[in-house]
Amino acid sequence: MILEKLLALICDEFGLDSSDVNEGTTLENIASDEFELQELIGSVESEFEIELDIEPADDWTIGDLAKAVSDAY
């Protein structure tokens, strides 16, 4: 459920088609710079009503981000 909700959020926020992203897609392929990456983290925190204490790297995948969200609950 977290992964599906996260994928939908990313597609909506970045105007991507759901067939373009999956659990293994890296954040580098989604966010073009550090600002967009921080914007994404902020959106995730807001959507899931959590606070993430992470410093994601470009090589993080959507699956890694979903795990961080799950761990924050």
PDB file of N, CA and C in Angstrom:
ATOM      1  N   MET A   1       0.809  -1.193   0.000  1.00  0.00           N
ATOM      2  CA  MET A   1       0.000   0.000   0.000  1.00  0.00           C
ATOM      3  C   MET A   1       0.859   1.266   0.000  1.00  0.00           C
ATOM      4  N   ILE A   2       1.920   1.300   0.818  1.00  0.00           N
ATOM      5  CA  ILE A   2       2.796   2.477   0.847  1.00  0.00           C
ATOM      6  C   ILE A   2       3.437   2.688  -0.514  1.00  0.00           C
ATOM      7  N   LEU A   3       3.939   1.612  -1.116  1.00  0.00           N
ATOM      8  CA  LEU A   3       4.602   1.730  -2.411  1.00  0.00           C
ATOM      9  C   LEU A   3       3.643   2.259  -3.470  1.00  0.00           C
ATOM     10  N   GLU A   4       2.433   1.722  -3.502  1.00  0.00           N
ATOM     11  CA  GLU A   4       1.458   2.150  -4.505  1.00  0.00           C
ATOM     12  C   GLU A   4       1.097   3.624  -4.328  1.00  0.00           C
ATOM     13  N   LYS A   5       0.901   4.040  -3.084  1.00  0.00           N
ATOM     14  CA  LYS A   5       0.568   5.430  -2.791  1.00  0.00           C
ATOM     15  C   LYS A   5       1.739   6.348  -3.152  1.00  0.00           C
ATOM     16  N   LEU A   6       2.950   5.896  -2.872  1.00  0.00           N
ATOM     17  CA  LEU A   6       4.154   6.654  -3.194  1.00  0.00           C
ATOM     18  C   LEU A   6       4.319   6.791  -4.706  1.00  0.00           C
ATOM     19  N   LEU A   7       4.113   5.718  -5.430  1.00  0.00           N
ATOM     20  CA  LEU A   7       4.209   5.769  -6.892  1.00  0.00           C
ATOM     21  C   LEU A   7       3.191   6.744  -7.471  1.00  0.00           C
ATOM     22  N   ALA A   8       1.961   6.713  -6.965  1.00  0.00           N
ATOM     23  CA  ALA A   8       0.920   7.627  -7.446  1.00  0.00           C
ATOM     24  C   ALA A   8       1.301   9.078  -7.163  1.00  0.00           C
ATOM     25  N   LEU A   9       1.839   9.335  -5.974  1.00  0.00           N
ATOM     26  CA  LEU A   9       2.264  10.684  -5.600  1.00  0.00           C
ATOM     27  C   LEU A   9       3.363  11.179  -6.540  1.00  0.00           C
ATOM     28  N   ILE A  10       4.344  10.347  -6.795  1.00  0.00           N
ATOM     29  CA  ILE A  10       5.467  10.722  -7.664  1.00  0.00           C
ATOM     30  C   ILE A  10       4.976  10.984  -9.086  1.00  0.00           C
ATOM     31  N   CYS A  11       4.120  10.125  -9.585  1.00  0.00           N
ATOM     32  CA  CYS A  11       3.583  10.326 -10.939  1.00  0.00           C
ATOM     33  C   CYS A  11       2.824  11.636 -11.027  1.00  0.00           C
ATOM     34  N   ASP A  12       2.012  11.912 -10.019  1.00  0.00           N
ATOM     35  CA  ASP A  12       1.221  13.138 -10.009  1.00  0.00           C
ATOM     36  C   ASP A  12       2.113  14.368  -9.912  1.00  0.00           C
ATOM     37  N   GLU A  13       3.054  14.340  -8.991  1.00  0.00           N
ATOM     38  CA  GLU A  13       3.900  15.508  -8.745  1.00  0.00           C
ATOM     39  C   GLU A  13       4.847  15.817  -9.904  1.00  0.00           C
ATOM     40  N   PHE A  14       5.351  14.783 -10.557  1.00  0.00           N
ATOM     41  CA  PHE A  14       6.334  14.990 -11.621  1.00  0.00           C
ATOM     42  C   PHE A  14       5.761  14.791 -13.018  1.00  0.00           C
ATOM     43  N   GLY A  15       4.447  14.573 -13.104  1.00  0.00           N
ATOM     44  CA  GLY A  15       3.800  14.429 -14.401  1.00  0.00           C
ATOM     45  C   GLY A  15       4.259  13.207 -15.177  1.00  0.00           C
ATOM     46  N   LEU A  16       4.513  12.131 -14.457  1.00  0.00           N
ATOM     47  CA  LEU A  16       4.988  10.905 -15.087  1.00  0.00           C
ATOM     48  C   LEU A  16       3.842   9.917 -15.280  1.00  0.00           C
ATOM     49  N   ASP A  17       3.991   9.075 -16.254  1.00  0.00           N
ATOM     50  CA  ASP A  17       3.036   7.992 -16.474  1.00  0.00           C
ATOM     51  C   ASP A  17       3.401   6.848 -15.538  1.00  0.00           C
ATOM     52  N   SER A  18       2.419   6.165 -15.024  1.00  0.00           N
ATOM     53  CA  SER A  18       2.684   5.079 -14.072  1.00  0.00           C
ATOM     54  C   SER A  18       3.536   3.973 -14.674  1.00  0.00           C
ATOM     55  N   SER A  19       3.545   3.854 -15.990  1.00  0.00           N
ATOM     56  CA  SER A  19       4.388   2.834 -16.619  1.00  0.00           C
ATOM     57  C   SER A  19       5.856   3.252 -16.673  1.00  0.00           C
ATOM     58  N   ASP A  20       6.136   4.524 -16.336  1.00  0.00           N
ATOM     59  CA  ASP A  20       7.510   5.035 -16.372  1.00  0.00           C
ATOM     60  C   ASP A  20       8.267   4.853 -15.064  1.00  0.00           C
ATOM     61  N   VAL A  21       7.561   4.524 -13.975  1.00  0.00           N
ATOM     62  CA  VAL A  21       8.204   4.389 -12.676  1.00  0.00           C
ATOM     63  C   VAL A  21       7.810   3.089 -11.997  1.00  0.00           C
ATOM     64  N   ASN A  22       8.735   2.570 -11.202  1.00  0.00           N
ATOM     65  CA  ASN A  22       8.464   1.361 -10.424  1.00  0.00           C
ATOM     66  C   ASN A  22       9.370   1.360  -9.204  1.00  0.00           C
ATOM     67  N   GLU A  23       9.313   0.323  -8.446  1.00  0.00           N
ATOM     68  CA  GLU A  23      10.066   0.211  -7.196  1.00  0.00           C
ATOM     69  C   GLU A  23      11.567   0.417  -7.396  1.00  0.00           C
ATOM     70  N   GLY A  24      12.083   0.041  -8.544  1.00  0.00           N
ATOM     71  CA  GLY A  24      13.519   0.131  -8.801  1.00  0.00           C
ATOM     72  C   GLY A  24      13.976   1.425  -9.448  1.00  0.00           C
ATOM     73  N   THR A  25      13.048   2.322  -9.755  1.00  0.00           N
ATOM     74  CA  THR A  25      13.411   3.606 -10.356  1.00  0.00           C
ATOM     75  C   THR A  25      14.192   4.437  -9.349  1.00  0.00           C
ATOM     76  N   THR A  26      15.313   4.994  -9.767  1.00  0.00           N
ATOM     77  CA  THR A  26      16.118   5.795  -8.847  1.00  0.00           C
ATOM     78  C   THR A  26      15.553   7.203  -8.726  1.00  0.00           C
ATOM     79  N   LEU A  27      15.816   7.817  -7.596  1.00  0.00           N
ATOM     80  CA  LEU A  27      15.360   9.189  -7.389  1.00  0.00           C
ATOM     81  C   LEU A  27      16.042  10.133  -8.368  1.00  0.00           C
ATOM     82  N   GLU A  28      17.244   9.788  -8.788  1.00  0.00           N
ATOM     83  CA  GLU A  28      17.972  10.588  -9.775  1.00  0.00           C
ATOM     84  C   GLU A  28      17.200  10.656 -11.094  1.00  0.00           C
ATOM     85  N   ASN A  29      16.487   9.583 -11.427  1.00  0.00           N
ATOM     86  CA  ASN A  29      15.698   9.556 -12.659  1.00  0.00           C
ATOM     87  C   ASN A  29      14.413  10.369 -12.540  1.00  0.00           C
ATOM     88  N   ILE A  30      14.047  10.738 -11.329  1.00  0.00           N
ATOM     89  CA  ILE A  30      12.810  11.484 -11.101  1.00  0.00           C
ATOM     90  C   ILE A  30      13.096  12.953 -10.847  1.00  0.00           C
ATOM     91  N   ALA A  31      13.957  13.227  -9.884  1.00  0.00           N
ATOM     92  CA  ALA A  31      14.278  14.601  -9.485  1.00  0.00           C
ATOM     93  C   ALA A  31      15.529  15.063 -10.220  1.00  0.00           C
ATOM     94  N   SER A  32      15.421  16.200 -10.880  1.00  0.00           N
ATOM     95  CA  SER A  32      16.547  16.662 -11.698  1.00  0.00           C
ATOM     96  C   SER A  32      17.642  17.353 -10.889  1.00  0.00           C
ATOM     97  N   ASP A  33      17.318  17.767  -9.666  1.00  0.00           N
ATOM     98  CA  ASP A  33      18.335  18.428  -8.844  1.00  0.00           C
ATOM     99  C   ASP A  33      17.980  18.274  -7.363  1.00  0.00           C
ATOM    100  N   GLU A  34      18.839  18.806  -6.508  1.00  0.00           N
ATOM    101  CA  GLU A  34      18.658  18.696  -5.055  1.00  0.00           C
ATOM    102  C   GLU A  34      17.354  19.355  -4.598  1.00  0.00           C
ATOM    103  N   PHE A  35      17.013  20.472  -5.231  1.00  0.00           N
ATOM    104  CA  PHE A  35      15.773  21.173  -4.875  1.00  0.00           C
ATOM    105  C   PHE A  35      14.559  20.283  -5.118  1.00  0.00           C
ATOM    106  N   GLU A  36      14.488  19.658  -6.282  1.00  0.00           N
ATOM    107  CA  GLU A  36      13.362  18.769  -6.583  1.00  0.00           C
ATOM    108  C   GLU A  36      13.335  17.566  -5.646  1.00  0.00           C
ATOM    109  N   LEU A  37      14.504  17.079  -5.277  1.00  0.00           N
ATOM    110  CA  LEU A  37      14.573  15.953  -4.351  1.00  0.00           C
ATOM    111  C   LEU A  37      14.011  16.346  -2.983  1.00  0.00           C
ATOM    112  N   GLN A  38      14.377  17.510  -2.503  1.00  0.00           N
ATOM    113  CA  GLN A  38      13.853  17.983  -1.218  1.00  0.00           C
ATOM    114  C   GLN A  38      12.352  18.266  -1.304  1.00  0.00           C
ATOM    115  N   GLU A  39      11.904  18.754  -2.457  1.00  0.00           N
ATOM    116  CA  GLU A  39      10.477  18.969  -2.684  1.00  0.00           C
ATOM    117  C   GLU A  39       9.720  17.646  -2.623  1.00  0.00           C
ATOM    118  N   LEU A  40      10.303  16.622  -3.216  1.00  0.00           N
ATOM    119  CA  LEU A  40       9.702  15.290  -3.187  1.00  0.00           C
ATOM    120  C   LEU A  40       9.594  14.774  -1.762  1.00  0.00           C
ATOM    121  N   ILE A  41      10.668  14.907  -0.996  1.00  0.00           N
ATOM    122  CA  ILE A  41      10.657  14.446   0.401  1.00  0.00           C
ATOM    123  C   ILE A  41       9.578  15.192   1.190  1.00  0.00           C
ATOM    124  N   GLY A  42       9.472  16.498   0.976  1.00  0.00           N
ATOM    125  CA  GLY A  42       8.448  17.286   1.645  1.00  0.00           C
ATOM    126  C   GLY A  42       7.044  16.816   1.287  1.00  0.00           C
ATOM    127  N   SER A  43       6.821  16.509   0.032  1.00  0.00           N
ATOM    128  CA  SER A  43       5.511  16.010  -0.407  1.00  0.00           C
ATOM    129  C   SER A  43       5.196  14.659   0.212  1.00  0.00           C
ATOM    130  N   VAL A  44       6.203  13.810   0.295  1.00  0.00           N
ATOM    131  CA  VAL A  44       6.022  12.488   0.902  1.00  0.00           C
ATOM    132  C   VAL A  44       5.669  12.644   2.379  1.00  0.00           C
ATOM    133  N   GLU A  45       6.397  13.507   3.078  1.00  0.00           N
ATOM    134  CA  GLU A  45       6.114  13.732   4.495  1.00  0.00           C
ATOM    135  C   GLU A  45       4.691  14.250   4.695  1.00  0.00           C
ATOM    136  N   SER A  46       4.278  15.154   3.849  1.00  0.00           N
ATOM    137  CA  SER A  46       2.935  15.720   3.946  1.00  0.00           C
ATOM    138  C   SER A  46       1.864  14.677   3.636  1.00  0.00           C
ATOM    139  N   GLU A  47       2.060  13.933   2.581  1.00  0.00           N
ATOM    140  CA  GLU A  47       1.077  12.928   2.156  1.00  0.00           C
ATOM    141  C   GLU A  47       0.895  11.830   3.201  1.00  0.00           C
ATOM    142  N   PHE A  48       1.998  11.380   3.788  1.00  0.00           N
ATOM    143  CA  PHE A  48       1.940  10.279   4.744  1.00  0.00           C
ATOM    144  C   PHE A  48       1.859  10.760   6.201  1.00  0.00           C
ATOM    145  N   GLU A  49       1.880  12.092   6.385  1.00  0.00           N
ATOM    146  CA  GLU A  49       1.811  12.701   7.711  1.00  0.00           C
ATOM    147  C   GLU A  49       2.876  12.120   8.659  1.00  0.00           C
ATOM    148  N   ILE A  50       4.113  12.161   8.157  1.00  0.00           N
ATOM    149  CA  ILE A  50       5.265  11.658   8.911  1.00  0.00           C
ATOM    150  C   ILE A  50       6.404  12.654   8.767  1.00  0.00           C
ATOM    151  N   GLU A  51       7.452  12.424   9.537  1.00  0.00           N
ATOM    152  CA  GLU A  51       8.676  13.190   9.370  1.00  0.00           C
ATOM    153  C   GLU A  51       9.796  12.203   9.072  1.00  0.00           C
ATOM    154  N   LEU A  52      10.441  12.410   7.942  1.00  0.00           N
ATOM    155  CA  LEU A  52      11.533  11.530   7.544  1.00  0.00           C
ATOM    156  C   LEU A  52      12.854  12.150   7.964  1.00  0.00           C
ATOM    157  N   ASP A  53      13.626  11.409   8.715  1.00  0.00           N
ATOM    158  CA  ASP A  53      14.949  11.849   9.129  1.00  0.00           C
ATOM    159  C   ASP A  53      15.965  11.106   8.269  1.00  0.00           C
ATOM    160  N   ILE A  54      15.986  11.476   6.985  1.00  0.00           N
ATOM    161  CA  ILE A  54      16.841  10.783   6.020  1.00  0.00           C
ATOM    162  C   ILE A  54      17.568  11.796   5.151  1.00  0.00           C
ATOM    163  N   GLU A  55      18.633  11.339   4.547  1.00  0.00           N
ATOM    164  CA  GLU A  55      19.367  12.084   3.534  1.00  0.00           C
ATOM    165  C   GLU A  55      19.481  11.179   2.315  1.00  0.00           C
ATOM    166  N   PRO A  56      18.414  11.137   1.506  1.00  0.00           N
ATOM    167  CA  PRO A  56      18.452  10.220   0.365  1.00  0.00           C
ATOM    168  C   PRO A  56      19.500  10.640  -0.662  1.00  0.00           C
ATOM    169  N   ALA A  57      20.131   9.679  -1.238  1.00  0.00           N
ATOM    170  CA  ALA A  57      21.125   9.906  -2.286  1.00  0.00           C
ATOM    171  C   ALA A  57      20.466   9.670  -3.640  1.00  0.00           C
ATOM    172  N   ASP A  58      21.124  10.135  -4.691  1.00  0.00           N
ATOM    173  CA  ASP A  58      20.581   9.968  -6.036  1.00  0.00           C
ATOM    174  C   ASP A  58      20.350   8.506  -6.394  1.00  0.00           C
ATOM    175  N   ASP A  59      21.163   7.610  -5.804  1.00  0.00           N
ATOM    176  CA  ASP A  59      21.027   6.198  -6.161  1.00  0.00           C
ATOM    177  C   ASP A  59      19.941   5.483  -5.361  1.00  0.00           C
ATOM    178  N   TRP A  60      19.265   6.217  -4.474  1.00  0.00           N
ATOM    179  CA  TRP A  60      18.122   5.630  -3.775  1.00  0.00           C
ATOM    180  C   TRP A  60      17.046   5.300  -4.796  1.00  0.00           C
ATOM    181  N   THR A  61      16.327   4.235  -4.541  1.00  0.00           N
ATOM    182  CA  THR A  61      15.210   3.869  -5.405  1.00  0.00           C
ATOM    183  C   THR A  61      13.894   4.250  -4.727  1.00  0.00           C
ATOM    184  N   ILE A  62      12.838   4.185  -5.489  1.00  0.00           N
ATOM    185  CA  ILE A  62      11.516   4.408  -4.910  1.00  0.00           C
ATOM    186  C   ILE A  62      11.254   3.358  -3.836  1.00  0.00           C
ATOM    187  N   GLY A  63      11.754   2.162  -4.027  1.00  0.00           N
ATOM    188  CA  GLY A  63      11.627   1.116  -3.018  1.00  0.00           C
ATOM    189  C   GLY A  63      12.331   1.500  -1.718  1.00  0.00           C
ATOM    190  N   ASP A  64      13.507   2.114  -1.825  1.00  0.00           N
ATOM    191  CA  ASP A  64      14.220   2.586  -0.629  1.00  0.00           C
ATOM    192  C   ASP A  64      13.411   3.658   0.090  1.00  0.00           C
ATOM    193  N   LEU A  65      12.818   4.552  -0.676  1.00  0.00           N
ATOM    194  CA  LEU A  65      12.006   5.611  -0.090  1.00  0.00           C
ATOM    195  C   LEU A  65      10.758   5.030   0.577  1.00  0.00           C
ATOM    196  N   ALA A  66      10.148   4.026  -0.060  1.00  0.00           N
ATOM    197  CA  ALA A  66       8.979   3.368   0.541  1.00  0.00           C
ATOM    198  C   ALA A  66       9.354   2.708   1.867  1.00  0.00           C
ATOM    199  N   LYS A  67      10.535   2.109   1.940  1.00  0.00           N
ATOM    200  CA  LYS A  67      10.986   1.495   3.190  1.00  0.00           C
ATOM    201  C   LYS A  67      11.192   2.560   4.270  1.00  0.00           C
ATOM    202  N   ALA A  68      11.753   3.706   3.886  1.00  0.00           N
ATOM    203  CA  ALA A  68      11.955   4.797   4.842  1.00  0.00           C
ATOM    204  C   ALA A  68      10.617   5.303   5.377  1.00  0.00           C
ATOM    205  N   VAL A  69       9.625   5.371   4.499  1.00  0.00           N
ATOM    206  CA  VAL A  69       8.278   5.777   4.929  1.00  0.00           C
ATOM    207  C   VAL A  69       7.716   4.739   5.896  1.00  0.00           C
ATOM    208  N   SER A  70       7.843   3.476   5.549  1.00  0.00           N
ATOM    209  CA  SER A  70       7.338   2.399   6.404  1.00  0.00           C
ATOM    210  C   SER A  70       8.020   2.425   7.770  1.00  0.00           C
ATOM    211  N   ASP A  71       9.332   2.657   7.781  1.00  0.00           N
ATOM    212  CA  ASP A  71      10.088   2.705   9.026  1.00  0.00           C
ATOM    213  C   ASP A  71       9.689   3.886   9.903  1.00  0.00           C
ATOM    214  N   ALA A  72       9.175   4.951   9.285  1.00  0.00           N
ATOM    215  CA  ALA A  72       8.799   6.155  10.030  1.00  0.00           C
ATOM    216  C   ALA A  72       7.484   5.994  10.779  1.00  0.00           C
ATOM    217  N   TYR A  73       6.723   4.954  10.438  1.00  0.00           N
ATOM    218  CA  TYR A  73       5.447   4.739  11.131  1.00  0.00           C
ATOM    219  C   TYR A  73       5.651   4.096  12.462  1.00  0.00           C
TER     220      TYR A  73
END
